[in-house]
Amino acid sequence: MSTPLLSLYRRLTRWPGGHWLFSRAVCFKAPYFASISPRITALEPGRCEGTLADRRKVRNHIGTVHAIAMCNLAELTAGLMVDASLPTGMRWIPRGMQVQYLAKARGNLHALAVPAQ
């Protein structure tokens, strides 16, 4: 099974800089995510991984990665995982998201989205 999103990912990531180009294409389609400059590093049905570099534009007033930047990365990776997993012709809309902030975040972050068991 291959969705249009998954086909684009596979086509672009064969080339040097392909992960960067795919990530930019996603942010062009959904511009809000461009605010965090994410990098999608893996995408397949049932799995998506992405990273967020710790840089000034994603930090808050105390110098840690802003909680909403982390939520954006979580929503993006989860959304791409679902899009890559749905049969062609189906669409979805998220209904909610629960977040717990357990500690301050520093450094580059890695997000992994897989279906709940």
PDB file of N, CA and C in Angstrom:
ATOM      1  N   MET A   1       0.838  -1.177   0.000  1.00  0.00           N
ATOM      2  CA  MET A   1       0.000   0.000   0.000  1.00  0.00           C
ATOM      3  C   MET A   1       0.885   1.243   0.000  1.00  0.00           C
ATOM      4  N   SER A   2       0.523   2.210  -0.818  1.00  0.00           N
ATOM      5  CA  SER A   2       1.290   3.443  -0.861  1.00  0.00           C
ATOM      6  C   SER A   2       0.345   4.621  -1.109  1.00  0.00           C
ATOM      7  N   THR A   3       0.336   5.540  -0.192  1.00  0.00           N
ATOM      8  CA  THR A   3      -0.464   6.747  -0.333  1.00  0.00           C
ATOM      9  C   THR A   3       0.334   7.773  -1.138  1.00  0.00           C
ATOM     10  N   PRO A   4      -0.314   8.816  -1.653  1.00  0.00           N
ATOM     11  CA  PRO A   4       0.448   9.861  -2.356  1.00  0.00           C
ATOM     12  C   PRO A   4       1.546  10.472  -1.483  1.00  0.00           C
ATOM     13  N   LEU A   5       1.253  10.654  -0.186  1.00  0.00           N
ATOM     14  CA  LEU A   5       2.256  11.203   0.733  1.00  0.00           C
ATOM     15  C   LEU A   5       3.453  10.275   0.846  1.00  0.00           C
ATOM     16  N   LEU A   6       3.186   8.998   1.003  1.00  0.00           N
ATOM     17  CA  LEU A   6       4.259   8.012   1.131  1.00  0.00           C
ATOM     18  C   LEU A   6       5.061   7.899  -0.161  1.00  0.00           C
ATOM     19  N   SER A   7       4.392   7.963  -1.282  1.00  0.00           N
ATOM     20  CA  SER A   7       5.093   7.929  -2.576  1.00  0.00           C
ATOM     21  C   SER A   7       6.025   9.120  -2.720  1.00  0.00           C
ATOM     22  N   LEU A   8       5.546  10.308  -2.326  1.00  0.00           N
ATOM     23  CA  LEU A   8       6.389  11.504  -2.396  1.00  0.00           C
ATOM     24  C   LEU A   8       7.594  11.356  -1.484  1.00  0.00           C
ATOM     25  N   TYR A   9       7.374  10.872  -0.266  1.00  0.00           N
ATOM     26  CA  TYR A   9       8.477  10.673   0.669  1.00  0.00           C
ATOM     27  C   TYR A   9       9.524   9.730   0.089  1.00  0.00           C
ATOM     28  N   ARG A  10       9.081   8.607  -0.436  1.00  0.00           N
ATOM     29  CA  ARG A  10      10.021   7.619  -0.987  1.00  0.00           C
ATOM     30  C   ARG A  10      10.772   8.166  -2.196  1.00  0.00           C
ATOM     31  N   ARG A  11      10.084   8.937  -3.021  1.00  0.00           N
ATOM     32  CA  ARG A  11      10.723   9.494  -4.212  1.00  0.00           C
ATOM     33  C   ARG A  11      11.779  10.541  -3.834  1.00  0.00           C
ATOM     34  N   LEU A  12      11.441  11.424  -2.891  1.00  0.00           N
ATOM     35  CA  LEU A  12      12.370  12.498  -2.539  1.00  0.00           C
ATOM     36  C   LEU A  12      13.550  12.024  -1.697  1.00  0.00           C
ATOM     37  N   THR A  13      13.323  11.090  -0.798  1.00  0.00           N
ATOM     38  CA  THR A  13      14.385  10.714   0.135  1.00  0.00           C
ATOM     39  C   THR A  13      15.423   9.774  -0.461  1.00  0.00           C
ATOM     40  N   ARG A  14      15.258   9.419  -1.710  1.00  0.00           N
ATOM     41  CA  ARG A  14      16.314   8.649  -2.386  1.00  0.00           C
ATOM     42  C   ARG A  14      17.540   9.512  -2.669  1.00  0.00           C
ATOM     43  N   TRP A  15      17.350  10.821  -2.654  1.00  0.00           N
ATOM     44  CA  TRP A  15      18.393  11.760  -3.060  1.00  0.00           C
ATOM     45  C   TRP A  15      18.999  12.467  -1.863  1.00  0.00           C
ATOM     46  N   PRO A  16      20.259  12.912  -1.995  1.00  0.00           N
ATOM     47  CA  PRO A  16      20.841  13.722  -0.912  1.00  0.00           C
ATOM     48  C   PRO A  16      19.969  14.953  -0.665  1.00  0.00           C
ATOM     49  N   GLY A  17      19.730  15.261   0.576  1.00  0.00           N
ATOM     50  CA  GLY A  17      18.885  16.398   0.925  1.00  0.00           C
ATOM     51  C   GLY A  17      17.403  16.116   0.799  1.00  0.00           C
ATOM     52  N   GLY A  18      17.046  14.878   0.517  1.00  0.00           N
ATOM     53  CA  GLY A  18      15.656  14.530   0.298  1.00  0.00           C
ATOM     54  C   GLY A  18      14.776  14.667   1.536  1.00  0.00           C
ATOM     55  N   HIS A  19      15.325  14.338   2.717  1.00  0.00           N
ATOM     56  CA  HIS A  19      14.545  14.497   3.943  1.00  0.00           C
ATOM     57  C   HIS A  19      14.243  15.974   4.185  1.00  0.00           C
ATOM     58  N   TRP A  20      15.224  16.819   3.937  1.00  0.00           N
ATOM     59  CA  TRP A  20      15.023  18.259   4.080  1.00  0.00           C
ATOM     60  C   TRP A  20      13.971  18.742   3.089  1.00  0.00           C
ATOM     61  N   LEU A  21      14.070  18.309   1.847  1.00  0.00           N
ATOM     62  CA  LEU A  21      13.123  18.741   0.821  1.00  0.00           C
ATOM     63  C   LEU A  21      11.707  18.252   1.134  1.00  0.00           C
ATOM     64  N   PHE A  22      11.566  17.014   1.573  1.00  0.00           N
ATOM     65  CA  PHE A  22      10.248  16.506   1.942  1.00  0.00           C
ATOM     66  C   PHE A  22       9.674  17.308   3.106  1.00  0.00           C
ATOM     67  N   SER A  23      10.490  17.587   4.091  1.00  0.00           N
ATOM     68  CA  SER A  23      10.031  18.369   5.246  1.00  0.00           C
ATOM     69  C   SER A  23       9.570  19.751   4.820  1.00  0.00           C
ATOM     70  N   ARG A  24      10.296  20.364   3.891  1.00  0.00           N
ATOM     71  CA  ARG A  24       9.891  21.688   3.381  1.00  0.00           C
ATOM     72  C   ARG A  24       8.581  21.590   2.611  1.00  0.00           C
ATOM     73  N   ALA A  25       8.397  20.527   1.850  1.00  0.00           N
ATOM     74  CA  ALA A  25       7.160  20.346   1.087  1.00  0.00           C
ATOM     75  C   ALA A  25       5.964  20.204   2.036  1.00  0.00           C
ATOM     76  N   VAL A  26       6.138  19.458   3.114  1.00  0.00           N
ATOM     77  CA  VAL A  26       5.067  19.306   4.102  1.00  0.00           C
ATOM     78  C   VAL A  26       4.728  20.665   4.709  1.00  0.00           C
ATOM     79  N   CYS A  27       5.753  21.445   5.026  1.00  0.00           N
ATOM     80  CA  CYS A  27       5.521  22.761   5.624  1.00  0.00           C
ATOM     81  C   CYS A  27       4.911  23.739   4.619  1.00  0.00           C
ATOM     82  N   PHE A  28       5.144  23.531   3.350  1.00  0.00           N
ATOM     83  CA  PHE A  28       4.499  24.367   2.340  1.00  0.00           C
ATOM     84  C   PHE A  28       3.000  24.059   2.300  1.00  0.00           C
ATOM     85  N   LYS A  29       2.656  22.785   2.418  1.00  0.00           N
ATOM     86  CA  LYS A  29       1.255  22.359   2.405  1.00  0.00           C
ATOM     87  C   LYS A  29       0.546  22.770   3.699  1.00  0.00           C
ATOM     88  N   ALA A  30       1.227  22.694   4.822  1.00  0.00           N
ATOM     89  CA  ALA A  30       0.678  23.066   6.131  1.00  0.00           C
ATOM     90  C   ALA A  30       1.630  24.092   6.755  1.00  0.00           C
ATOM     91  N   PRO A  31       1.500  25.366   6.387  1.00  0.00           N
ATOM     92  CA  PRO A  31       2.497  26.387   6.732  1.00  0.00           C
ATOM     93  C   PRO A  31       2.761  26.590   8.224  1.00  0.00           C
ATOM     94  N   TYR A  32       1.809  26.310   9.069  1.00  0.00           N
ATOM     95  CA  TYR A  32       2.028  26.537  10.496  1.00  0.00           C
ATOM     96  C   TYR A  32       3.220  25.740  11.022  1.00  0.00           C
ATOM     97  N   PHE A  33       3.414  24.539  10.508  1.00  0.00           N
ATOM     98  CA  PHE A  33       4.518  23.706  10.992  1.00  0.00           C
ATOM     99  C   PHE A  33       5.885  24.276  10.629  1.00  0.00           C
ATOM    100  N   ALA A  34       5.943  25.147   9.641  1.00  0.00           N
ATOM    101  CA  ALA A  34       7.217  25.750   9.256  1.00  0.00           C
ATOM    102  C   ALA A  34       7.814  26.572  10.389  1.00  0.00           C
ATOM    103  N   SER A  35       6.995  27.007  11.331  1.00  0.00           N
ATOM    104  CA  SER A  35       7.488  27.826  12.438  1.00  0.00           C
ATOM    105  C   SER A  35       8.520  27.097  13.293  1.00  0.00           C
ATOM    106  N   ILE A  36       8.540  25.767  13.256  1.00  0.00           N
ATOM    107  CA  ILE A  36       9.505  25.014  14.063  1.00  0.00           C
ATOM    108  C   ILE A  36      10.610  24.378  13.213  1.00  0.00           C
ATOM    109  N   SER A  37      10.543  24.516  11.909  1.00  0.00           N
ATOM    110  CA  SER A  37      11.537  23.916  10.993  1.00  0.00           C
ATOM    111  C   SER A  37      11.806  22.447  11.324  1.00  0.00           C
ATOM    112  N   PRO A  38      10.790  21.601  11.258  1.00  0.00           N
ATOM    113  CA  PRO A  38      10.983  20.187  11.588  1.00  0.00           C
ATOM    114  C   PRO A  38      11.731  19.453  10.481  1.00  0.00           C
ATOM    115  N   ARG A  39      12.272  18.302  10.806  1.00  0.00           N
ATOM    116  CA  ARG A  39      12.883  17.417   9.818  1.00  0.00           C
ATOM    117  C   ARG A  39      12.259  16.045   9.988  1.00  0.00           C
ATOM    118  N   ILE A  40      11.595  15.554   8.961  1.00  0.00           N
ATOM    119  CA  ILE A  40      11.014  14.213   8.987  1.00  0.00           C
ATOM    120  C   ILE A  40      12.114  13.247   8.572  1.00  0.00           C
ATOM    121  N   THR A  41      12.436  12.304   9.448  1.00  0.00           N
ATOM    122  CA  THR A  41      13.561  11.408   9.207  1.00  0.00           C
ATOM    123  C   THR A  41      13.149   9.997   8.812  1.00  0.00           C
ATOM    124  N   ALA A  42      11.892   9.630   9.059  1.00  0.00           N
ATOM    125  CA  ALA A  42      11.399   8.304   8.667  1.00  0.00           C
ATOM    126  C   ALA A  42       9.887   8.373   8.518  1.00  0.00           C
ATOM    127  N   LEU A  43       9.379   7.707   7.485  1.00  0.00           N
ATOM    128  CA  LEU A  43       7.933   7.646   7.275  1.00  0.00           C
ATOM    129  C   LEU A  43       7.595   6.337   6.593  1.00  0.00           C
ATOM    130  N   GLU A  44       6.685   5.603   7.189  1.00  0.00           N
ATOM    131  CA  GLU A  44       6.168   4.362   6.616  1.00  0.00           C
ATOM    132  C   GLU A  44       4.798   4.133   7.241  1.00  0.00           C
ATOM    133  N   PRO A  45       3.985   3.255   6.678  1.00  0.00           N
ATOM    134  CA  PRO A  45       2.687   3.004   7.299  1.00  0.00           C
ATOM    135  C   PRO A  45       2.870   2.574   8.760  1.00  0.00           C
ATOM    136  N   GLY A  46       2.201   3.267   9.660  1.00  0.00           N
ATOM    137  CA  GLY A  46       2.296   2.928  11.075  1.00  0.00           C
ATOM    138  C   GLY A  46       3.494   3.489  11.798  1.00  0.00           C
ATOM    139  N   ARG A  47       4.271   4.366  11.172  1.00  0.00           N
ATOM    140  CA  ARG A  47       5.461   4.905  11.847  1.00  0.00           C
ATOM    141  C   ARG A  47       5.929   6.198  11.179  1.00  0.00           C
ATOM    142  N   CYS A  48       6.222   7.191  11.997  1.00  0.00           N
ATOM    143  CA  CYS A  48       6.831   8.429  11.509  1.00  0.00           C
ATOM    144  C   CYS A  48       7.778   8.937  12.583  1.00  0.00           C
ATOM    145  N   GLU A  49       8.929   9.410  12.151  1.00  0.00           N
ATOM    146  CA  GLU A  49       9.904  10.004  13.059  1.00  0.00           C
ATOM    147  C   GLU A  49      10.277  11.385  12.549  1.00  0.00           C
ATOM    148  N   GLY A  50      10.476  12.288  13.486  1.00  0.00           N
ATOM    149  CA  GLY A  50      10.879  13.637  13.127  1.00  0.00           C
ATOM    150  C   GLY A  50      11.771  14.221  14.201  1.00  0.00           C
ATOM    151  N   THR A  51      12.493  15.271  13.830  1.00  0.00           N
ATOM    152  CA  THR A  51      13.374  15.936  14.775  1.00  0.00           C
ATOM    153  C   THR A  51      13.094  17.433  14.788  1.00  0.00           C
ATOM    154  N   LEU A  52      13.491  18.035  15.879  1.00  0.00           N
ATOM    155  CA  LEU A  52      13.370  19.466  16.078  1.00  0.00           C
ATOM    156  C   LEU A  52      14.694  19.943  16.650  1.00  0.00           C
ATOM    157  N   ALA A  53      15.375  20.803  15.921  1.00  0.00           N
ATOM    158  CA  ALA A  53      16.658  21.314  16.391  1.00  0.00           C
ATOM    159  C   ALA A  53      16.430  22.391  17.450  1.00  0.00           C
ATOM    160  N   ASP A  54      17.212  22.325  18.514  1.00  0.00           N
ATOM    161  CA  ASP A  54      17.145  23.333  19.569  1.00  0.00           C
ATOM    162  C   ASP A  54      17.829  24.591  19.051  1.00  0.00           C
ATOM    163  N   ARG A  55      17.011  25.562  18.708  1.00  0.00           N
ATOM    164  CA  ARG A  55      17.542  26.842  18.236  1.00  0.00           C
ATOM    165  C   ARG A  55      16.708  27.953  18.836  1.00  0.00           C
ATOM    166  N   ARG A  56      17.160  29.163  18.717  1.00  0.00           N
ATOM    167  CA  ARG A  56      16.522  30.302  19.372  1.00  0.00           C
ATOM    168  C   ARG A  56      15.036  30.416  19.058  1.00  0.00           C
ATOM    169  N   LYS A  57      14.630  30.175  17.826  1.00  0.00           N
ATOM    170  CA  LYS A  57      13.230  30.405  17.455  1.00  0.00           C
ATOM    171  C   LYS A  57      12.241  29.426  18.088  1.00  0.00           C
ATOM    172  N   VAL A  58      12.710  28.338  18.695  1.00  0.00           N
ATOM    173  CA  VAL A  58      11.807  27.412  19.370  1.00  0.00           C
ATOM    174  C   VAL A  58      11.953  27.464  20.894  1.00  0.00           C
ATOM    175  N   ARG A  59      12.727  28.411  21.394  1.00  0.00           N
ATOM    176  CA  ARG A  59      12.937  28.516  22.843  1.00  0.00           C
ATOM    177  C   ARG A  59      11.959  29.502  23.472  1.00  0.00           C
ATOM    178  N   ASN A  60      11.727  29.307  24.734  1.00  0.00           N
ATOM    179  CA  ASN A  60      10.886  30.220  25.496  1.00  0.00           C
ATOM    180  C   ASN A  60      11.759  31.210  26.278  1.00  0.00           C
ATOM    181  N   HIS A  61      11.132  31.968  27.165  1.00  0.00           N
ATOM    182  CA  HIS A  61      11.839  33.007  27.913  1.00  0.00           C
ATOM    183  C   HIS A  61      12.831  32.468  28.935  1.00  0.00           C
ATOM    184  N   ILE A  62      12.757  31.185  29.276  1.00  0.00           N
ATOM    185  CA  ILE A  62      13.727  30.618  30.220  1.00  0.00           C
ATOM    186  C   ILE A  62      14.802  29.785  29.518  1.00  0.00           C
ATOM    187  N   GLY A  63      14.809  29.840  28.180  1.00  0.00           N
ATOM    188  CA  GLY A  63      15.883  29.203  27.425  1.00  0.00           C
ATOM    189  C   GLY A  63      15.701  27.730  27.122  1.00  0.00           C
ATOM    190  N   THR A  64      14.514  27.186  27.377  1.00  0.00           N
ATOM    191  CA  THR A  64      14.264  25.779  27.051  1.00  0.00           C
ATOM    192  C   THR A  64      13.358  25.717  25.818  1.00  0.00           C
ATOM    193  N   VAL A  65      13.230  24.534  25.237  1.00  0.00           N
ATOM    194  CA  VAL A  65      12.369  24.382  24.071  1.00  0.00           C
ATOM    195  C   VAL A  65      10.925  24.599  24.515  1.00  0.00           C
ATOM    196  N   HIS A  66      10.238  25.455  23.808  1.00  0.00           N
ATOM    197  CA  HIS A  66       8.869  25.827  24.157  1.00  0.00           C
ATOM    198  C   HIS A  66       7.940  24.620  24.045  1.00  0.00           C
ATOM    199  N   ALA A  67       7.028  24.511  24.989  1.00  0.00           N
ATOM    200  CA  ALA A  67       6.098  23.379  25.025  1.00  0.00           C
ATOM    201  C   ALA A  67       5.263  23.291  23.753  1.00  0.00           C
ATOM    202  N   ILE A  68       4.842  24.404  23.209  1.00  0.00           N
ATOM    203  CA  ILE A  68       4.015  24.370  22.007  1.00  0.00           C
ATOM    204  C   ILE A  68       4.838  23.927  20.796  1.00  0.00           C
ATOM    205  N   ALA A  69       6.124  24.227  20.763  1.00  0.00           N
ATOM    206  CA  ALA A  69       6.975  23.720  19.684  1.00  0.00           C
ATOM    207  C   ALA A  69       7.020  22.193  19.738  1.00  0.00           C
ATOM    208  N   MET A  70       7.094  21.650  20.948  1.00  0.00           N
ATOM    209  CA  MET A  70       7.086  20.196  21.095  1.00  0.00           C
ATOM    210  C   MET A  70       5.734  19.615  20.671  1.00  0.00           C
ATOM    211  N   CYS A  71       4.644  20.301  21.015  1.00  0.00           N
ATOM    212  CA  CYS A  71       3.306  19.855  20.593  1.00  0.00           C
ATOM    213  C   CYS A  71       3.192  19.879  19.071  1.00  0.00           C
ATOM    214  N   ASN A  72       3.740  20.907  18.448  1.00  0.00           N
ATOM    215  CA  ASN A  72       3.707  20.985  16.984  1.00  0.00           C
ATOM    216  C   ASN A  72       4.419  19.795  16.365  1.00  0.00           C
ATOM    217  N   LEU A  73       5.582  19.447  16.894  1.00  0.00           N
ATOM    218  CA  LEU A  73       6.319  18.303  16.365  1.00  0.00           C
ATOM    219  C   LEU A  73       5.532  17.012  16.575  1.00  0.00           C
ATOM    220  N   ALA A  74       4.913  16.867  17.742  1.00  0.00           N
ATOM    221  CA  ALA A  74       4.109  15.668  18.019  1.00  0.00           C
ATOM    222  C   ALA A  74       2.917  15.583  17.072  1.00  0.00           C
ATOM    223  N   GLU A  75       2.221  16.699  16.878  1.00  0.00           N
ATOM    224  CA  GLU A  75       1.060  16.696  15.980  1.00  0.00           C
ATOM    225  C   GLU A  75       1.471  16.403  14.542  1.00  0.00           C
ATOM    226  N   LEU A  76       2.580  16.977  14.108  1.00  0.00           N
ATOM    227  CA  LEU A  76       3.050  16.755  12.740  1.00  0.00           C
ATOM    228  C   LEU A  76       3.408  15.293  12.504  1.00  0.00           C
ATOM    229  N   THR A  77       4.205  14.709  13.382  1.00  0.00           N
ATOM    230  CA  THR A  77       4.609  13.319  13.167  1.00  0.00           C
ATOM    231  C   THR A  77       3.414  12.375  13.261  1.00  0.00           C
ATOM    232  N   ALA A  78       2.512  12.621  14.194  1.00  0.00           N
ATOM    233  CA  ALA A  78       1.320  11.771  14.306  1.00  0.00           C
ATOM    234  C   ALA A  78       0.444  11.912  13.062  1.00  0.00           C
ATOM    235  N   GLY A  79       0.280  13.125  12.582  1.00  0.00           N
ATOM    236  CA  GLY A  79      -0.545  13.347  11.397  1.00  0.00           C
ATOM    237  C   GLY A  79       0.027  12.691  10.158  1.00  0.00           C
ATOM    238  N   LEU A  80       1.337  12.794   9.983  1.00  0.00           N
ATOM    239  CA  LEU A  80       1.967  12.157   8.827  1.00  0.00           C
ATOM    240  C   LEU A  80       1.874  10.640   8.909  1.00  0.00           C
ATOM    241  N   MET A  81       2.026  10.100  10.126  1.00  0.00           N
ATOM    242  CA  MET A  81       1.906   8.650  10.303  1.00  0.00           C
ATOM    243  C   MET A  81       0.516   8.181   9.906  1.00  0.00           C
ATOM    244  N   VAL A  82      -0.509   8.904  10.341  1.00  0.00           N
ATOM    245  CA  VAL A  82      -1.881   8.520   9.992  1.00  0.00           C
ATOM    246  C   VAL A  82      -2.103   8.656   8.492  1.00  0.00           C
ATOM    247  N   ASP A  83      -1.662   9.783   7.908  1.00  0.00           N
ATOM    248  CA  ASP A  83      -1.825   9.977   6.461  1.00  0.00           C
ATOM    249  C   ASP A  83      -1.147   8.870   5.658  1.00  0.00           C
ATOM    250  N   ALA A  84       0.024   8.428   6.114  1.00  0.00           N
ATOM    251  CA  ALA A  84       0.752   7.378   5.395  1.00  0.00           C
ATOM    252  C   ALA A  84       0.124   6.003   5.605  1.00  0.00           C
ATOM    253  N   SER A  85      -0.752   5.882   6.591  1.00  0.00           N
ATOM    254  CA  SER A  85      -1.330   4.584   6.938  1.00  0.00           C
ATOM    255  C   SER A  85      -2.741   4.374   6.405  1.00  0.00           C
ATOM    256  N   LEU A  86      -3.450   5.446   6.101  1.00  0.00           N
ATOM    257  CA  LEU A  86      -4.837   5.326   5.646  1.00  0.00           C
ATOM    258  C   LEU A  86      -4.915   4.833   4.209  1.00  0.00           C
ATOM    259  N   PRO A  87      -5.949   4.078   3.884  1.00  0.00           N
ATOM    260  CA  PRO A  87      -6.151   3.688   2.485  1.00  0.00           C
ATOM    261  C   PRO A  87      -6.365   4.933   1.610  1.00  0.00           C
ATOM    262  N   THR A  88      -5.958   4.848   0.368  1.00  0.00           N
ATOM    263  CA  THR A  88      -6.119   5.950  -0.570  1.00  0.00           C
ATOM    264  C   THR A  88      -7.580   6.369  -0.629  1.00  0.00           C
ATOM    265  N   GLY A  89      -7.820   7.659  -0.647  1.00  0.00           N
ATOM    266  CA  GLY A  89      -9.176   8.183  -0.728  1.00  0.00           C
ATOM    267  C   GLY A  89      -9.796   8.506   0.617  1.00  0.00           C
ATOM    268  N   MET A  90      -9.195   8.046   1.700  1.00  0.00           N
ATOM    269  CA  MET A  90      -9.715   8.358   3.034  1.00  0.00           C
ATOM    270  C   MET A  90      -8.987   9.567   3.600  1.00  0.00           C
ATOM    271  N   ARG A  91      -9.691  10.318   4.458  1.00  0.00           N
ATOM    272  CA  ARG A  91      -9.111  11.481   5.123  1.00  0.00           C
ATOM    273  C   ARG A  91      -9.438  11.386   6.601  1.00  0.00           C
ATOM    274  N   TRP A  92      -8.774  12.183   7.382  1.00  0.00           N
ATOM    275  CA  TRP A  92      -9.019  12.184   8.818  1.00  0.00           C
ATOM    276  C   TRP A  92      -8.853  13.594   9.358  1.00  0.00           C
ATOM    277  N   ILE A  93      -9.436  13.821  10.499  1.00  0.00           N
ATOM    278  CA  ILE A  93      -9.293  15.104  11.201  1.00  0.00           C
ATOM    279  C   ILE A  93      -9.043  14.774  12.676  1.00  0.00           C
ATOM    280  N   PRO A  94      -7.993  15.337  13.272  1.00  0.00           N
ATOM    281  CA  PRO A  94      -7.738  15.045  14.687  1.00  0.00           C
ATOM    282  C   PRO A  94      -8.845  15.621  15.571  1.00  0.00           C
ATOM    283  N   ARG A  95      -9.188  14.884  16.607  1.00  0.00           N
ATOM    284  CA  ARG A  95     -10.240  15.329  17.532  1.00  0.00           C
ATOM    285  C   ARG A  95      -9.670  15.894  18.817  1.00  0.00           C
ATOM    286  N   GLY A  96      -8.461  15.578  19.133  1.00  0.00           N
ATOM    287  CA  GLY A  96      -7.909  16.074  20.384  1.00  0.00           C
ATOM    288  C   GLY A  96      -6.483  15.602  20.589  1.00  0.00           C
ATOM    289  N   MET A  97      -5.900  16.150  21.615  1.00  0.00           N
ATOM    290  CA  MET A  97      -4.517  15.805  21.933  1.00  0.00           C
ATOM    291  C   MET A  97      -4.326  16.046  23.425  1.00  0.00           C
ATOM    292  N   GLN A  98      -3.693  15.111  24.102  1.00  0.00           N
ATOM    293  CA  GLN A  98      -3.390  15.270  25.517  1.00  0.00           C
ATOM    294  C   GLN A  98      -1.891  15.382  25.683  1.00  0.00           C
ATOM    295  N   VAL A  99      -1.465  16.346  26.481  1.00  0.00           N
ATOM    296  CA  VAL A  99      -0.042  16.605  26.654  1.00  0.00           C
ATOM    297  C   VAL A  99       0.263  16.749  28.134  1.00  0.00           C
ATOM    298  N   GLN A 100       1.389  16.194  28.551  1.00  0.00           N
ATOM    299  CA  GLN A 100       1.891  16.401  29.903  1.00  0.00           C
ATOM    300  C   GLN A 100       3.309  16.922  29.786  1.00  0.00           C
ATOM    301  N   TYR A 101       3.589  17.989  30.474  1.00  0.00           N
ATOM    302  CA  TYR A 101       4.932  18.561  30.481  1.00  0.00           C
ATOM    303  C   TYR A 101       5.620  18.081  31.756  1.00  0.00           C
ATOM    304  N   LEU A 102       6.518  17.131  31.606  1.00  0.00           N
ATOM    305  CA  LEU A 102       7.120  16.483  32.767  1.00  0.00           C
ATOM    306  C   LEU A 102       8.470  17.074  33.166  1.00  0.00           C
ATOM    307  N   ALA A 103       9.131  17.728  32.222  1.00  0.00           N
ATOM    308  CA  ALA A 103      10.442  18.303  32.519  1.00  0.00           C
ATOM    309  C   ALA A 103      10.771  19.346  31.465  1.00  0.00           C
ATOM    310  N   LYS A 104      11.730  20.186  31.776  1.00  0.00           N
ATOM    311  CA  LYS A 104      12.202  21.172  30.801  1.00  0.00           C
ATOM    312  C   LYS A 104      12.912  20.434  29.668  1.00  0.00           C
ATOM    313  N   ALA A 105      12.724  20.913  28.454  1.00  0.00           N
ATOM    314  CA  ALA A 105      13.360  20.276  27.300  1.00  0.00           C
ATOM    315  C   ALA A 105      14.520  21.131  26.817  1.00  0.00           C
ATOM    316  N   ARG A 106      15.652  20.490  26.652  1.00  0.00           N
ATOM    317  CA  ARG A 106      16.839  21.157  26.117  1.00  0.00           C
ATOM    318  C   ARG A 106      17.466  20.242  25.081  1.00  0.00           C
ATOM    319  N   GLY A 107      18.114  20.854  24.105  1.00  0.00           N
ATOM    320  CA  GLY A 107      18.786  20.066  23.082  1.00  0.00           C
ATOM    321  C   GLY A 107      17.850  19.691  21.943  1.00  0.00           C
ATOM    322  N   ASN A 108      18.402  18.982  20.985  1.00  0.00           N
ATOM    323  CA  ASN A 108      17.604  18.544  19.828  1.00  0.00           C
ATOM    324  C   ASN A 108      16.623  17.468  20.287  1.00  0.00           C
ATOM    325  N   LEU A 109      15.404  17.533  19.745  1.00  0.00           N
ATOM    326  CA  LEU A 109      14.357  16.603  20.156  1.00  0.00           C
ATOM    327  C   LEU A 109      14.006  15.638  19.043  1.00  0.00           C
ATOM    328  N   HIS A 110      13.553  14.457  19.431  1.00  0.00           N
ATOM    329  CA  HIS A 110      13.182  13.393  18.483  1.00  0.00           C
ATOM    330  C   HIS A 110      11.766  12.966  18.811  1.00  0.00           C
ATOM    331  N   ALA A 111      10.902  12.902  17.803  1.00  0.00           N
ATOM    332  CA  ALA A 111       9.521  12.457  18.000  1.00  0.00           C
ATOM    333  C   ALA A 111       9.305  11.158  17.222  1.00  0.00           C
ATOM    334  N   LEU A 112       8.571  10.253  17.821  1.00  0.00           N
ATOM    335  CA  LEU A 112       8.215   8.977  17.200  1.00  0.00           C
ATOM    336  C   LEU A 112       6.717   8.806  17.324  1.00  0.00           C
ATOM    337  N   ALA A 113       6.044   8.604  16.209  1.00  0.00           N
ATOM    338  CA  ALA A 113       4.597   8.372  16.208  1.00  0.00           C
ATOM    339  C   ALA A 113       4.317   6.977  15.677  1.00  0.00           C
ATOM    340  N   VAL A 114       3.629   6.194  16.508  1.00  0.00           N
ATOM    341  CA  VAL A 114       3.164   4.853  16.133  1.00  0.00           C
ATOM    342  C   VAL A 114       1.736   4.718  16.654  1.00  0.00           C
ATOM    343  N   PRO A 115       0.911   3.860  16.059  1.00  0.00           N
ATOM    344  CA  PRO A 115      -0.461   3.706  16.553  1.00  0.00           C
ATOM    345  C   PRO A 115      -0.463   3.170  17.986  1.00  0.00           C
ATOM    346  N   ALA A 116      -1.440   3.609  18.762  1.00  0.00           N
ATOM    347  CA  ALA A 116      -1.591   3.125  20.133  1.00  0.00           C
ATOM    348  C   ALA A 116      -2.020   1.652  20.093  1.00  0.00           C
ATOM    349  N   GLN A 117      -1.544   0.907  21.037  1.00  0.00           N
ATOM    350  CA  GLN A 117      -1.897  -0.523  21.103  1.00  0.00           C
ATOM    351  C   GLN A 117      -3.089  -0.737  21.985  1.00  0.00           C
TER     352      GLN A 117
END
